[in-house]
Amino acid sequence: MANLSPREQQVARYLSLGKQDREIAELLHTSVGTIKNHGVHIRDKLGVGNRLGIALWWIHEGSKLYPAETLLK
């Protein structure tokens, strides 16, 4: 099971919604570079190769492990 940080959970959720790095950065009030770094860490933790892998993982597993109401807005 992946052990994503709260911020990584948010990024994974937004990726599953089709958001681009710039959009996610604006929503989370951080830089695009920080979002890209989170993406690398998420991919490493999940063992997937790209953002599609993150999105699919979130849709099938992550949303059950990390319910949306537990995520910071």
PDB file of N, CA and C in Angstrom:
ATOM      1  N   MET A   1       0.847  -1.182   0.000  1.00  0.00           N
ATOM      2  CA  MET A   1       0.000   0.000   0.000  1.00  0.00           C
ATOM      3  C   MET A   1       0.892   1.246   0.000  1.00  0.00           C
ATOM      4  N   ALA A   2       0.489   2.230  -0.756  1.00  0.00           N
ATOM      5  CA  ALA A   2       1.225   3.491  -0.827  1.00  0.00           C
ATOM      6  C   ALA A   2       1.034   4.272   0.459  1.00  0.00           C
ATOM      7  N   ASN A   3       2.070   4.966   0.832  1.00  0.00           N
ATOM      8  CA  ASN A   3       1.995   5.811   2.013  1.00  0.00           C
ATOM      9  C   ASN A   3       2.206   7.248   1.563  1.00  0.00           C
ATOM     10  N   LEU A   4       1.172   7.831   0.980  1.00  0.00           N
ATOM     11  CA  LEU A   4       1.275   9.183   0.457  1.00  0.00           C
ATOM     12  C   LEU A   4       1.063  10.202   1.565  1.00  0.00           C
ATOM     13  N   SER A   5       1.868  11.272   1.501  1.00  0.00           N
ATOM     14  CA  SER A   5       1.676  12.375   2.437  1.00  0.00           C
ATOM     15  C   SER A   5       0.356  13.071   2.108  1.00  0.00           C
ATOM     16  N   PRO A   6      -0.156  13.866   3.035  1.00  0.00           N
ATOM     17  CA  PRO A   6      -1.403  14.588   2.738  1.00  0.00           C
ATOM     18  C   PRO A   6      -1.316  15.430   1.460  1.00  0.00           C
ATOM     19  N   ARG A   7      -0.202  16.088   1.229  1.00  0.00           N
ATOM     20  CA  ARG A   7      -0.054  16.905   0.022  1.00  0.00           C
ATOM     21  C   ARG A   7       0.009  16.025  -1.226  1.00  0.00           C
ATOM     22  N   GLU A   8       0.700  14.903  -1.131  1.00  0.00           N
ATOM     23  CA  GLU A   8       0.747  13.972  -2.262  1.00  0.00           C
ATOM     24  C   GLU A   8      -0.650  13.434  -2.575  1.00  0.00           C
ATOM     25  N   GLN A   9      -1.448  13.214  -1.554  1.00  0.00           N
ATOM     26  CA  GLN A   9      -2.828  12.776  -1.753  1.00  0.00           C
ATOM     27  C   GLN A   9      -3.597  13.821  -2.543  1.00  0.00           C
ATOM     28  N   GLN A  10      -3.431  15.082  -2.176  1.00  0.00           N
ATOM     29  CA  GLN A  10      -4.120  16.153  -2.887  1.00  0.00           C
ATOM     30  C   GLN A  10      -3.688  16.190  -4.351  1.00  0.00           C
ATOM     31  N   VAL A  11      -2.387  16.128  -4.582  1.00  0.00           N
ATOM     32  CA  VAL A  11      -1.870  16.189  -5.952  1.00  0.00           C
ATOM     33  C   VAL A  11      -2.392  15.004  -6.755  1.00  0.00           C
ATOM     34  N   ALA A  12      -2.356  13.812  -6.188  1.00  0.00           N
ATOM     35  CA  ALA A  12      -2.851  12.625  -6.892  1.00  0.00           C
ATOM     36  C   ALA A  12      -4.327  12.779  -7.226  1.00  0.00           C
ATOM     37  N   ARG A  13      -5.089  13.301  -6.311  1.00  0.00           N
ATOM     38  CA  ARG A  13      -6.524  13.509  -6.556  1.00  0.00           C
ATOM     39  C   ARG A  13      -6.746  14.486  -7.702  1.00  0.00           C
ATOM     40  N   TYR A  14      -6.022  15.602  -7.689  1.00  0.00           N
ATOM     41  CA  TYR A  14      -6.173  16.572  -8.773  1.00  0.00           C
ATOM     42  C   TYR A  14      -5.718  15.985 -10.113  1.00  0.00           C
ATOM     43  N   LEU A  15      -4.667  15.178 -10.103  1.00  0.00           N
ATOM     44  CA  LEU A  15      -4.237  14.535 -11.346  1.00  0.00           C
ATOM     45  C   LEU A  15      -5.322  13.609 -11.875  1.00  0.00           C
ATOM     46  N   SER A  16      -6.010  12.932 -10.976  1.00  0.00           N
ATOM     47  CA  SER A  16      -7.081  12.026 -11.404  1.00  0.00           C
ATOM     48  C   SER A  16      -8.261  12.792 -12.004  1.00  0.00           C
ATOM     49  N   LEU A  17      -8.351  14.068 -11.688  1.00  0.00           N
ATOM     50  CA  LEU A  17      -9.401  14.918 -12.239  1.00  0.00           C
ATOM     51  C   LEU A  17      -8.973  15.584 -13.547  1.00  0.00           C
ATOM     52  N   GLY A  18      -7.755  15.261 -14.007  1.00  0.00           N
ATOM     53  CA  GLY A  18      -7.260  15.800 -15.266  1.00  0.00           C
ATOM     54  C   GLY A  18      -6.621  17.173 -15.169  1.00  0.00           C
ATOM     55  N   LYS A  19      -6.319  17.619 -13.969  1.00  0.00           N
ATOM     56  CA  LYS A  19      -5.697  18.929 -13.784  1.00  0.00           C
ATOM     57  C   LYS A  19      -4.238  18.888 -14.234  1.00  0.00           C
ATOM     58  N   GLN A  20      -3.777  19.991 -14.793  1.00  0.00           N
ATOM     59  CA  GLN A  20      -2.386  20.137 -15.187  1.00  0.00           C
ATOM     60  C   GLN A  20      -1.582  20.698 -14.020  1.00  0.00           C
ATOM     61  N   ASP A  21      -0.253  20.560 -14.088  1.00  0.00           N
ATOM     62  CA  ASP A  21       0.609  21.005 -12.990  1.00  0.00           C
ATOM     63  C   ASP A  21       0.364  22.464 -12.618  1.00  0.00           C
ATOM     64  N   ARG A  22       0.233  23.332 -13.610  1.00  0.00           N
ATOM     65  CA  ARG A  22       0.019  24.752 -13.334  1.00  0.00           C
ATOM     66  C   ARG A  22      -1.302  24.976 -12.584  1.00  0.00           C
ATOM     67  N   GLU A  23      -2.337  24.290 -12.984  1.00  0.00           N
ATOM     68  CA  GLU A  23      -3.636  24.412 -12.306  1.00  0.00           C
ATOM     69  C   GLU A  23      -3.538  23.939 -10.861  1.00  0.00           C
ATOM     70  N   ILE A  24      -2.867  22.801 -10.657  1.00  0.00           N
ATOM     71  CA  ILE A  24      -2.723  22.253  -9.305  1.00  0.00           C
ATOM     72  C   ILE A  24      -1.924  23.214  -8.440  1.00  0.00           C
ATOM     73  N   ALA A  25      -0.859  23.775  -9.002  1.00  0.00           N
ATOM     74  CA  ALA A  25      -0.033  24.726  -8.254  1.00  0.00           C
ATOM     75  C   ALA A  25      -0.864  25.923  -7.806  1.00  0.00           C
ATOM     76  N   GLU A  26      -1.706  26.417  -8.686  1.00  0.00           N
ATOM     77  CA  GLU A  26      -2.558  27.554  -8.323  1.00  0.00           C
ATOM     78  C   GLU A  26      -3.554  27.170  -7.235  1.00  0.00           C
ATOM     79  N   LEU A  27      -4.161  26.005  -7.372  1.00  0.00           N
ATOM     80  CA  LEU A  27      -5.141  25.557  -6.385  1.00  0.00           C
ATOM     81  C   LEU A  27      -4.512  25.350  -5.007  1.00  0.00           C
ATOM     82  N   LEU A  28      -3.265  24.875  -4.987  1.00  0.00           N
ATOM     83  CA  LEU A  28      -2.606  24.571  -3.717  1.00  0.00           C
ATOM     84  C   LEU A  28      -1.648  25.682  -3.272  1.00  0.00           C
ATOM     85  N   HIS A  29      -1.643  26.787  -4.017  1.00  0.00           N
ATOM     86  CA  HIS A  29      -0.830  27.952  -3.661  1.00  0.00           C
ATOM     87  C   HIS A  29       0.646  27.582  -3.493  1.00  0.00           C
ATOM     88  N   THR A  30       1.191  26.934  -4.517  1.00  0.00           N
ATOM     89  CA  THR A  30       2.593  26.548  -4.500  1.00  0.00           C
ATOM     90  C   THR A  30       3.132  26.674  -5.917  1.00  0.00           C
ATOM     91  N   SER A  31       4.390  26.315  -6.113  1.00  0.00           N
ATOM     92  CA  SER A  31       4.999  26.460  -7.436  1.00  0.00           C
ATOM     93  C   SER A  31       4.787  25.214  -8.293  1.00  0.00           C
ATOM     94  N   VAL A  32       4.909  25.401  -9.598  1.00  0.00           N
ATOM     95  CA  VAL A  32       4.806  24.286 -10.529  1.00  0.00           C
ATOM     96  C   VAL A  32       5.922  23.282 -10.250  1.00  0.00           C
ATOM     97  N   GLY A  33       7.104  23.773  -9.924  1.00  0.00           N
ATOM     98  CA  GLY A  33       8.228  22.884  -9.609  1.00  0.00           C
ATOM     99  C   GLY A  33       7.930  21.983  -8.420  1.00  0.00           C
ATOM    100  N   THR A  34       7.280  22.526  -7.411  1.00  0.00           N
ATOM    101  CA  THR A  34       6.912  21.733  -6.238  1.00  0.00           C
ATOM    102  C   THR A  34       5.920  20.645  -6.625  1.00  0.00           C
ATOM    103  N   ILE A  35       4.969  20.980  -7.477  1.00  0.00           N
ATOM    104  CA  ILE A  35       3.984  19.987  -7.927  1.00  0.00           C
ATOM    105  C   ILE A  35       4.677  18.891  -8.726  1.00  0.00           C
ATOM    106  N   LYS A  36       5.617  19.273  -9.584  1.00  0.00           N
ATOM    107  CA  LYS A  36       6.369  18.274 -10.351  1.00  0.00           C
ATOM    108  C   LYS A  36       7.139  17.344  -9.418  1.00  0.00           C
ATOM    109  N   ASN A  37       7.751  17.906  -8.371  1.00  0.00           N
ATOM    110  CA  ASN A  37       8.471  17.078  -7.393  1.00  0.00           C
ATOM    111  C   ASN A  37       7.528  16.113  -6.684  1.00  0.00           C
ATOM    112  N   HIS A  38       6.359  16.587  -6.310  1.00  0.00           N
ATOM    113  CA  HIS A  38       5.369  15.698  -5.689  1.00  0.00           C
ATOM    114  C   HIS A  38       5.015  14.565  -6.648  1.00  0.00           C
ATOM    115  N   GLY A  39       4.866  14.901  -7.928  1.00  0.00           N
ATOM    116  CA  GLY A  39       4.555  13.883  -8.925  1.00  0.00           C
ATOM    117  C   GLY A  39       5.615  12.796  -8.995  1.00  0.00           C
ATOM    118  N   VAL A  40       6.881  13.193  -8.942  1.00  0.00           N
ATOM    119  CA  VAL A  40       7.985  12.216  -8.952  1.00  0.00           C
ATOM    120  C   VAL A  40       7.898  11.318  -7.733  1.00  0.00           C
ATOM    121  N   HIS A  41       7.679  11.916  -6.568  1.00  0.00           N
ATOM    122  CA  HIS A  41       7.605  11.124  -5.334  1.00  0.00           C
ATOM    123  C   HIS A  41       6.403  10.178  -5.350  1.00  0.00           C
ATOM    124  N   ILE A  42       5.287  10.652  -5.866  1.00  0.00           N
ATOM    125  CA  ILE A  42       4.089   9.804  -5.945  1.00  0.00           C
ATOM    126  C   ILE A  42       4.364   8.630  -6.886  1.00  0.00           C
ATOM    127  N   ARG A  43       4.938   8.904  -8.057  1.00  0.00           N
ATOM    128  CA  ARG A  43       5.238   7.825  -9.008  1.00  0.00           C
ATOM    129  C   ARG A  43       6.168   6.790  -8.390  1.00  0.00           C
ATOM    130  N   ASP A  44       7.180   7.263  -7.667  1.00  0.00           N
ATOM    131  CA  ASP A  44       8.110   6.338  -7.001  1.00  0.00           C
ATOM    132  C   ASP A  44       7.383   5.477  -5.970  1.00  0.00           C
ATOM    133  N   LYS A  45       6.545   6.092  -5.169  1.00  0.00           N
ATOM    134  CA  LYS A  45       5.833   5.355  -4.128  1.00  0.00           C
ATOM    135  C   LYS A  45       4.845   4.348  -4.710  1.00  0.00           C
ATOM    136  N   LEU A  46       4.209   4.716  -5.821  1.00  0.00           N
ATOM    137  CA  LEU A  46       3.207   3.839  -6.417  1.00  0.00           C
ATOM    138  C   LEU A  46       3.800   2.838  -7.401  1.00  0.00           C
ATOM    139  N   GLY A  47       5.020   3.105  -7.856  1.00  0.00           N
ATOM    140  CA  GLY A  47       5.640   2.228  -8.836  1.00  0.00           C
ATOM    141  C   GLY A  47       5.017   2.357 -10.219  1.00  0.00           C
ATOM    142  N   VAL A  48       4.576   3.570 -10.546  1.00  0.00           N
ATOM    143  CA  VAL A  48       4.008   3.823 -11.868  1.00  0.00           C
ATOM    144  C   VAL A  48       4.937   4.754 -12.637  1.00  0.00           C
ATOM    145  N   GLY A  49       4.758   4.803 -13.961  1.00  0.00           N
ATOM    146  CA  GLY A  49       5.698   5.547 -14.781  1.00  0.00           C
ATOM    147  C   GLY A  49       5.274   6.935 -15.214  1.00  0.00           C
ATOM    148  N   ASN A  50       4.003   7.283 -15.018  1.00  0.00           N
ATOM    149  CA  ASN A  50       3.553   8.587 -15.498  1.00  0.00           C
ATOM    150  C   ASN A  50       2.308   9.043 -14.754  1.00  0.00           C
ATOM    151  N   ARG A  51       1.845  10.234 -15.111  1.00  0.00           N
ATOM    152  CA  ARG A  51       0.687  10.816 -14.417  1.00  0.00           C
ATOM    153  C   ARG A  51      -0.588  10.041 -14.683  1.00  0.00           C
ATOM    154  N   LEU A  52      -0.681   9.395 -15.827  1.00  0.00           N
ATOM    155  CA  LEU A  52      -1.840   8.540 -16.090  1.00  0.00           C
ATOM    156  C   LEU A  52      -1.874   7.394 -15.082  1.00  0.00           C
ATOM    157  N   GLY A  53      -0.708   6.819 -14.789  1.00  0.00           N
ATOM    158  CA  GLY A  53      -0.630   5.756 -13.786  1.00  0.00           C
ATOM    159  C   GLY A  53      -1.093   6.239 -12.424  1.00  0.00           C
ATOM    160  N   ILE A  54      -0.709   7.471 -12.080  1.00  0.00           N
ATOM    161  CA  ILE A  54      -1.153   8.050 -10.805  1.00  0.00           C
ATOM    162  C   ILE A  54      -2.673   8.200 -10.820  1.00  0.00           C
ATOM    163  N   ALA A  55      -3.202   8.748 -11.906  1.00  0.00           N
ATOM    164  CA  ALA A  55      -4.645   8.975 -12.003  1.00  0.00           C
ATOM    165  C   ALA A  55      -5.423   7.665 -11.906  1.00  0.00           C
ATOM    166  N   LEU A  56      -4.964   6.650 -12.622  1.00  0.00           N
ATOM    167  CA  LEU A  56      -5.650   5.353 -12.578  1.00  0.00           C
ATOM    168  C   LEU A  56      -5.569   4.740 -11.189  1.00  0.00           C
ATOM    169  N   TRP A  57      -4.404   4.851 -10.556  1.00  0.00           N
ATOM    170  CA  TRP A  57      -4.258   4.315  -9.197  1.00  0.00           C
ATOM    171  C   TRP A  57      -5.241   5.034  -8.265  1.00  0.00           C
ATOM    172  N   TRP A  58      -5.316   6.365  -8.384  1.00  0.00           N
ATOM    173  CA  TRP A  58      -6.202   7.119  -7.503  1.00  0.00           C
ATOM    174  C   TRP A  58      -7.652   6.695  -7.695  1.00  0.00           C
ATOM    175  N   ILE A  59      -8.055   6.560  -8.944  1.00  0.00           N
ATOM    176  CA  ILE A  59      -9.439   6.201  -9.238  1.00  0.00           C
ATOM    177  C   ILE A  59      -9.782   4.824  -8.675  1.00  0.00           C
ATOM    178  N   HIS A  60      -8.854   3.890  -8.792  1.00  0.00           N
ATOM    179  CA  HIS A  60      -9.144   2.508  -8.385  1.00  0.00           C
ATOM    180  C   HIS A  60      -8.814   2.200  -6.925  1.00  0.00           C
ATOM    181  N   GLU A  61      -7.796   2.838  -6.378  1.00  0.00           N
ATOM    182  CA  GLU A  61      -7.351   2.509  -5.013  1.00  0.00           C
ATOM    183  C   GLU A  61      -7.312   3.710  -4.068  1.00  0.00           C
ATOM    184  N   GLY A  62      -6.717   4.779  -4.524  1.00  0.00           N
ATOM    185  CA  GLY A  62      -6.469   5.929  -3.656  1.00  0.00           C
ATOM    186  C   GLY A  62      -7.711   6.538  -3.069  1.00  0.00           C
ATOM    187  N   SER A  63      -8.748   6.634  -3.870  1.00  0.00           N
ATOM    188  CA  SER A  63      -9.968   7.261  -3.364  1.00  0.00           C
ATOM    189  C   SER A  63     -10.593   6.445  -2.243  1.00  0.00           C
ATOM    190  N   LYS A  64     -10.320   5.146  -2.199  1.00  0.00           N
ATOM    191  CA  LYS A  64     -10.810   4.299  -1.097  1.00  0.00           C
ATOM    192  C   LYS A  64      -9.934   4.458   0.139  1.00  0.00           C
ATOM    193  N   LEU A  65      -8.615   4.574  -0.094  1.00  0.00           N
ATOM    194  CA  LEU A  65      -7.677   4.705   1.017  1.00  0.00           C
ATOM    195  C   LEU A  65      -7.711   6.095   1.636  1.00  0.00           C
ATOM    196  N   TYR A  66      -7.919   7.089   0.792  1.00  0.00           N
ATOM    197  CA  TYR A  66      -7.867   8.485   1.224  1.00  0.00           C
ATOM    198  C   TYR A  66      -9.149   9.197   0.785  1.00  0.00           C
ATOM    199  N   PRO A  67     -10.230   9.061   1.527  1.00  0.00           N
ATOM    200  CA  PRO A  67     -11.499   9.704   1.142  1.00  0.00           C
ATOM    201  C   PRO A  67     -11.326  11.214   0.977  1.00  0.00           C
ATOM    202  N   ALA A  68     -12.025  11.784   0.019  1.00  0.00           N
ATOM    203  CA  ALA A  68     -11.895  13.207  -0.312  1.00  0.00           C
ATOM    204  C   ALA A  68     -12.122  14.111   0.894  1.00  0.00           C
ATOM    205  N   GLU A  69     -13.025  13.736   1.768  1.00  0.00           N
ATOM    206  CA  GLU A  69     -13.311  14.613   2.910  1.00  0.00           C
ATOM    207  C   GLU A  69     -12.143  14.691   3.888  1.00  0.00           C
ATOM    208  N   THR A  70     -11.188  13.783   3.790  1.00  0.00           N
ATOM    209  CA  THR A  70     -10.028  13.837   4.683  1.00  0.00           C
ATOM    210  C   THR A  70      -8.921  14.708   4.098  1.00  0.00           C
ATOM    211  N   LEU A  71      -9.038  15.096   2.836  1.00  0.00           N
ATOM    212  CA  LEU A  71      -8.014  15.894   2.193  1.00  0.00           C
ATOM    213  C   LEU A  71      -8.198  17.360   2.542  1.00  0.00           C
ATOM    214  N   LEU A  72      -7.085  18.059   2.673  1.00  0.00           N
ATOM    215  CA  LEU A  72      -7.144  19.498   2.888  1.00  0.00           C
ATOM    216  C   LEU A  72      -7.676  20.153   1.633  1.00  0.00           C
ATOM    217  N   LYS A  73      -8.437  21.157   1.777  1.00  0.00           N
ATOM    218  CA  LYS A  73      -8.996  21.851   0.620  1.00  0.00           C
ATOM    219  C   LYS A  73      -8.002  22.829   0.072  1.00  0.00           C
TER     220      LYS A  73
END
